[in-house]
Amino acid sequence: MDDALRLETQLAAAHPSLDVVDRVITLRHDKLLGRLLDPYGRSTGVVPPDVWAEPAI
């Protein structure tokens, strides 16, 4: 969290037209992509994403 202001300052210096309109620091992010979850939200297995597949429409 201490580096948030430094990062914002560096981004603003590198991209003068950048306007920071909001900032949020996420302390916990549950990775759900490619996971099979039980009713309690616990991981029970994985489904590897096929990154080379055509997107489904």
PDB file of N, CA and C in Angstrom:
ATOM      1  N   MET A   1       0.812  -1.185   0.000  1.00  0.00           N
ATOM      2  CA  MET A   1       0.000   0.000   0.000  1.00  0.00           C
ATOM      3  C   MET A   1       0.856   1.250   0.000  1.00  0.00           C
ATOM      4  N   ASP A   2       2.042   1.128   0.536  1.00  0.00           N
ATOM      5  CA  ASP A   2       2.922   2.299   0.588  1.00  0.00           C
ATOM      6  C   ASP A   2       3.343   2.764  -0.803  1.00  0.00           C
ATOM      7  N   ASP A   3       3.331   1.853  -1.775  1.00  0.00           N
ATOM      8  CA  ASP A   3       3.781   2.204  -3.118  1.00  0.00           C
ATOM      9  C   ASP A   3       2.663   2.717  -4.012  1.00  0.00           C
ATOM     10  N   ALA A   4       1.437   2.769  -3.546  1.00  0.00           N
ATOM     11  CA  ALA A   4       0.312   3.190  -4.390  1.00  0.00           C
ATOM     12  C   ALA A   4       0.504   4.620  -4.898  1.00  0.00           C
ATOM     13  N   LEU A   5       0.862   5.535  -4.038  1.00  0.00           N
ATOM     14  CA  LEU A   5       1.068   6.930  -4.449  1.00  0.00           C
ATOM     15  C   LEU A   5       2.258   7.045  -5.397  1.00  0.00           C
ATOM     16  N   ARG A   6       3.332   6.305  -5.115  1.00  0.00           N
ATOM     17  CA  ARG A   6       4.507   6.340  -5.997  1.00  0.00           C
ATOM     18  C   ARG A   6       4.143   5.844  -7.385  1.00  0.00           C
ATOM     19  N   LEU A   7       3.399   4.746  -7.459  1.00  0.00           N
ATOM     20  CA  LEU A   7       2.979   4.205  -8.753  1.00  0.00           C
ATOM     21  C   LEU A   7       2.100   5.202  -9.497  1.00  0.00           C
ATOM     22  N   GLU A   8       1.156   5.801  -8.795  1.00  0.00           N
ATOM     23  CA  GLU A   8       0.283   6.798  -9.422  1.00  0.00           C
ATOM     24  C   GLU A   8       1.085   7.982  -9.953  1.00  0.00           C
ATOM     25  N   THR A   9       2.078   8.438  -9.196  1.00  0.00           N
ATOM     26  CA  THR A   9       2.930   9.553  -9.621  1.00  0.00           C
ATOM     27  C   THR A   9       3.740   9.188 -10.860  1.00  0.00           C
ATOM     28  N   GLN A  10       4.282   7.973 -10.889  1.00  0.00           N
ATOM     29  CA  GLN A  10       5.046   7.524 -12.059  1.00  0.00           C
ATOM     30  C   GLN A  10       4.153   7.412 -13.296  1.00  0.00           C
ATOM     31  N   LEU A  11       2.957   6.885 -13.123  1.00  0.00           N
ATOM     32  CA  LEU A  11       2.027   6.776 -14.251  1.00  0.00           C
ATOM     33  C   LEU A  11       1.664   8.163 -14.788  1.00  0.00           C
ATOM     34  N   ALA A  12       1.410   9.106 -13.884  1.00  0.00           N
ATOM     35  CA  ALA A  12       1.063  10.462 -14.302  1.00  0.00           C
ATOM     36  C   ALA A  12       2.221  11.134 -15.031  1.00  0.00           C
ATOM     37  N   ALA A  13       3.456  10.879 -14.596  1.00  0.00           N
ATOM     38  CA  ALA A  13       4.626  11.466 -15.263  1.00  0.00           C
ATOM     39  C   ALA A  13       4.825  10.843 -16.644  1.00  0.00           C
ATOM     40  N   ALA A  14       4.595   9.544 -16.753  1.00  0.00           N
ATOM     41  CA  ALA A  14       4.803   8.858 -18.035  1.00  0.00           C
ATOM     42  C   ALA A  14       3.674   9.131 -19.024  1.00  0.00           C
ATOM     43  N   HIS A  15       2.482   9.417 -18.507  1.00  0.00           N
ATOM     44  CA  HIS A  15       1.298   9.625 -19.357  1.00  0.00           C
ATOM     45  C   HIS A  15       0.574  10.886 -18.895  1.00  0.00           C
ATOM     46  N   PRO A  16       1.023  12.064 -19.356  1.00  0.00           N
ATOM     47  CA  PRO A  16       0.464  13.334 -18.865  1.00  0.00           C
ATOM     48  C   PRO A  16      -1.042  13.472 -19.086  1.00  0.00           C
ATOM     49  N   SER A  17      -1.601  12.811 -20.079  1.00  0.00           N
ATOM     50  CA  SER A  17      -3.040  12.940 -20.328  1.00  0.00           C
ATOM     51  C   SER A  17      -3.869  12.006 -19.444  1.00  0.00           C
ATOM     52  N   LEU A  18      -3.214  11.199 -18.617  1.00  0.00           N
ATOM     53  CA  LEU A  18      -3.906  10.268 -17.734  1.00  0.00           C
ATOM     54  C   LEU A  18      -4.572  11.010 -16.584  1.00  0.00           C
ATOM     55  N   ASP A  19      -5.845  10.706 -16.362  1.00  0.00           N
ATOM     56  CA  ASP A  19      -6.571  11.252 -15.221  1.00  0.00           C
ATOM     57  C   ASP A  19      -6.964  10.107 -14.309  1.00  0.00           C
ATOM     58  N   VAL A  20      -6.452  10.095 -13.097  1.00  0.00           N
ATOM     59  CA  VAL A  20      -6.845   9.098 -12.110  1.00  0.00           C
ATOM     60  C   VAL A  20      -8.122   9.612 -11.464  1.00  0.00           C
ATOM     61  N   VAL A  21      -9.209   8.873 -11.651  1.00  0.00           N
ATOM     62  CA  VAL A  21     -10.494   9.327 -11.127  1.00  0.00           C
ATOM     63  C   VAL A  21     -10.917   8.545  -9.885  1.00  0.00           C
ATOM     64  N   ASP A  22     -10.255   7.432  -9.627  1.00  0.00           N
ATOM     65  CA  ASP A  22     -10.585   6.643  -8.446  1.00  0.00           C
ATOM     66  C   ASP A  22      -9.444   5.676  -8.198  1.00  0.00           C
ATOM     67  N   ARG A  23      -9.319   5.224  -6.969  1.00  0.00           N
ATOM     68  CA  ARG A  23      -8.309   4.215  -6.659  1.00  0.00           C
ATOM     69  C   ARG A  23      -8.872   3.291  -5.591  1.00  0.00           C
ATOM     70  N   VAL A  24      -8.552   2.010  -5.745  1.00  0.00           N
ATOM     71  CA  VAL A  24      -9.015   0.997  -4.810  1.00  0.00           C
ATOM     72  C   VAL A  24      -7.864   0.027  -4.581  1.00  0.00           C
ATOM     73  N   ILE A  25      -7.633  -0.322  -3.348  1.00  0.00           N
ATOM     74  CA  ILE A  25      -6.623  -1.321  -3.015  1.00  0.00           C
ATOM     75  C   ILE A  25      -7.361  -2.560  -2.537  1.00  0.00           C
ATOM     76  N   THR A  26      -7.148  -3.660  -3.225  1.00  0.00           N
ATOM     77  CA  THR A  26      -7.800  -4.916  -2.880  1.00  0.00           C
ATOM     78  C   THR A  26      -6.845  -5.739  -2.030  1.00  0.00           C
ATOM     79  N   LEU A  27      -7.266  -6.037  -0.818  1.00  0.00           N
ATOM     80  CA  LEU A  27      -6.415  -6.796   0.083  1.00  0.00           C
ATOM     81  C   LEU A  27      -6.564  -8.304  -0.112  1.00  0.00           C
ATOM     82  N   ARG A  28      -7.687  -8.727  -0.652  1.00  0.00           N
ATOM     83  CA  ARG A  28      -7.895 -10.152  -0.888  1.00  0.00           C
ATOM     84  C   ARG A  28      -8.642 -10.323  -2.201  1.00  0.00           C
ATOM     85  N   HIS A  29      -8.110 -11.159  -3.052  1.00  0.00           N
ATOM     86  CA  HIS A  29      -8.754 -11.442  -4.330  1.00  0.00           C
ATOM     87  C   HIS A  29      -8.794 -12.955  -4.494  1.00  0.00           C
ATOM     88  N   ASP A  30      -9.971 -13.499  -4.530  1.00  0.00           N
ATOM     89  CA  ASP A  30     -10.107 -14.941  -4.710  1.00  0.00           C
ATOM     90  C   ASP A  30     -10.025 -15.277  -6.192  1.00  0.00           C
ATOM     91  N   LYS A  31      -9.079 -16.108  -6.525  1.00  0.00           N
ATOM     92  CA  LYS A  31      -8.906 -16.534  -7.914  1.00  0.00           C
ATOM     93  C   LYS A  31      -9.947 -17.603  -8.216  1.00  0.00           C
ATOM     94  N   LEU A  32     -10.848 -17.311  -9.135  1.00  0.00           N
ATOM     95  CA  LEU A  32     -11.917 -18.236  -9.450  1.00  0.00           C
ATOM     96  C   LEU A  32     -11.815 -18.793 -10.866  1.00  0.00           C
ATOM     97  N   LEU A  33     -11.068 -18.145 -11.744  1.00  0.00           N
ATOM     98  CA  LEU A  33     -10.973 -18.592 -13.121  1.00  0.00           C
ATOM     99  C   LEU A  33     -10.366 -19.980 -13.197  1.00  0.00           C
ATOM    100  N   GLY A  34     -11.079 -20.888 -13.826  1.00  0.00           N
ATOM    101  CA  GLY A  34     -10.569 -22.233 -14.018  1.00  0.00           C
ATOM    102  C   GLY A  34     -10.672 -23.118 -12.796  1.00  0.00           C
ATOM    103  N   ARG A  35     -11.465 -22.726 -11.826  1.00  0.00           N
ATOM    104  CA  ARG A  35     -11.611 -23.518 -10.603  1.00  0.00           C
ATOM    105  C   ARG A  35     -13.008 -24.118 -10.517  1.00  0.00           C
ATOM    106  N   LEU A  36     -13.092 -25.339 -10.055  1.00  0.00           N
ATOM    107  CA  LEU A  36     -14.364 -25.954  -9.715  1.00  0.00           C
ATOM    108  C   LEU A  36     -14.578 -25.719  -8.227  1.00  0.00           C
ATOM    109  N   LEU A  37     -15.741 -25.176  -7.864  1.00  0.00           N
ATOM    110  CA  LEU A  37     -15.988 -24.817  -6.476  1.00  0.00           C
ATOM    111  C   LEU A  37     -17.112 -25.663  -5.886  1.00  0.00           C
ATOM    112  N   ASP A  38     -16.982 -25.952  -4.602  1.00  0.00           N
ATOM    113  CA  ASP A  38     -18.067 -26.640  -3.901  1.00  0.00           C
ATOM    114  C   ASP A  38     -19.070 -25.580  -3.424  1.00  0.00           C
ATOM    115  N   PRO A  39     -20.184 -25.984  -2.811  1.00  0.00           N
ATOM    116  CA  PRO A  39     -21.190 -25.005  -2.380  1.00  0.00           C
ATOM    117  C   PRO A  39     -20.665 -23.959  -1.391  1.00  0.00           C
ATOM    118  N   TYR A  40     -19.540 -24.225  -0.753  1.00  0.00           N
ATOM    119  CA  TYR A  40     -18.960 -23.283   0.209  1.00  0.00           C
ATOM    120  C   TYR A  40     -17.917 -22.369  -0.427  1.00  0.00           C
ATOM    121  N   GLY A  41     -17.695 -22.496  -1.734  1.00  0.00           N
ATOM    122  CA  GLY A  41     -16.721 -21.663  -2.425  1.00  0.00           C
ATOM    123  C   GLY A  41     -15.299 -22.168  -2.355  1.00  0.00           C
ATOM    124  N   ARG A  42     -15.115 -23.384  -1.862  1.00  0.00           N
ATOM    125  CA  ARG A  42     -13.763 -23.960  -1.785  1.00  0.00           C
ATOM    126  C   ARG A  42     -13.448 -24.688  -3.085  1.00  0.00           C
ATOM    127  N   SER A  43     -12.200 -24.611  -3.480  1.00  0.00           N
ATOM    128  CA  SER A  43     -11.764 -25.251  -4.716  1.00  0.00           C
ATOM    129  C   SER A  43     -11.746 -26.768  -4.557  1.00  0.00           C
ATOM    130  N   THR A  44     -12.373 -27.445  -5.527  1.00  0.00           N
ATOM    131  CA  THR A  44     -12.375 -28.909  -5.527  1.00  0.00           C
ATOM    132  C   THR A  44     -11.636 -29.468  -6.731  1.00  0.00           C
ATOM    133  N   GLY A  45     -11.233 -28.624  -7.633  1.00  0.00           N
ATOM    134  CA  GLY A  45     -10.526 -29.074  -8.827  1.00  0.00           C
ATOM    135  C   GLY A  45     -10.266 -27.897  -9.751  1.00  0.00           C
ATOM    136  N   VAL A  46      -9.618 -28.187 -10.856  1.00  0.00           N
ATOM    137  CA  VAL A  46      -9.293 -27.139 -11.826  1.00  0.00           C
ATOM    138  C   VAL A  46      -9.749 -27.538 -13.219  1.00  0.00           C
ATOM    139  N   VAL A  47     -10.039 -26.525 -14.015  1.00  0.00           N
ATOM    140  CA  VAL A  47     -10.334 -26.695 -15.433  1.00  0.00           C
ATOM    141  C   VAL A  47      -9.402 -25.738 -16.155  1.00  0.00           C
ATOM    142  N   PRO A  48      -8.313 -26.255 -16.721  1.00  0.00           N
ATOM    143  CA  PRO A  48      -7.358 -25.346 -17.374  1.00  0.00           C
ATOM    144  C   PRO A  48      -8.015 -24.645 -18.565  1.00  0.00           C
ATOM    145  N   PRO A  49      -7.939 -23.315 -18.638  1.00  0.00           N
ATOM    146  CA  PRO A  49      -8.532 -22.603 -19.775  1.00  0.00           C
ATOM    147  C   PRO A  49      -7.726 -22.875 -21.042  1.00  0.00           C
ATOM    148  N   ASP A  50      -8.436 -23.019 -22.145  1.00  0.00           N
ATOM    149  CA  ASP A  50      -7.782 -23.203 -23.442  1.00  0.00           C
ATOM    150  C   ASP A  50      -7.573 -21.820 -24.048  1.00  0.00           C
ATOM    151  N   VAL A  51      -6.398 -21.256 -23.842  1.00  0.00           N
ATOM    152  CA  VAL A  51      -6.119 -19.885 -24.288  1.00  0.00           C
ATOM    153  C   VAL A  51      -6.060 -19.754 -25.804  1.00  0.00           C
ATOM    154  N   TRP A  52      -5.960 -20.851 -26.530  1.00  0.00           N
ATOM    155  CA  TRP A  52      -5.864 -20.798 -27.980  1.00  0.00           C
ATOM    156  C   TRP A  52      -7.211 -21.045 -28.664  1.00  0.00           C
ATOM    157  N   ALA A  53      -8.247 -21.339 -27.905  1.00  0.00           N
ATOM    158  CA  ALA A  53      -9.564 -21.604 -28.483  1.00  0.00           C
ATOM    159  C   ALA A  53     -10.207 -20.314 -28.969  1.00  0.00           C
ATOM    160  N   GLU A  54     -11.056 -20.449 -29.980  1.00  0.00           N
ATOM    161  CA  GLU A  54     -11.821 -19.305 -30.460  1.00  0.00           C
ATOM    162  C   GLU A  54     -12.815 -18.879 -29.377  1.00  0.00           C
ATOM    163  N   PRO A  55     -13.026 -17.576 -29.205  1.00  0.00           N
ATOM    164  CA  PRO A  55     -13.981 -17.128 -28.186  1.00  0.00           C
ATOM    165  C   PRO A  55     -15.407 -17.578 -28.531  1.00  0.00           C
ATOM    166  N   ALA A  56     -16.143 -17.959 -27.500  1.00  0.00           N
ATOM    167  CA  ALA A  56     -17.543 -18.329 -27.696  1.00  0.00           C
ATOM    168  C   ALA A  56     -18.379 -17.072 -27.824  1.00  0.00           C
ATOM    169  N   ILE A  57     -19.319 -17.101 -28.733  1.00  0.00           N
ATOM    170  CA  ILE A  57     -20.159 -15.907 -28.952  1.00  0.00           C
ATOM    171  C   ILE A  57     -21.535 -16.139 -28.393  1.00  0.00           C
TER     172      ILE A  57
END
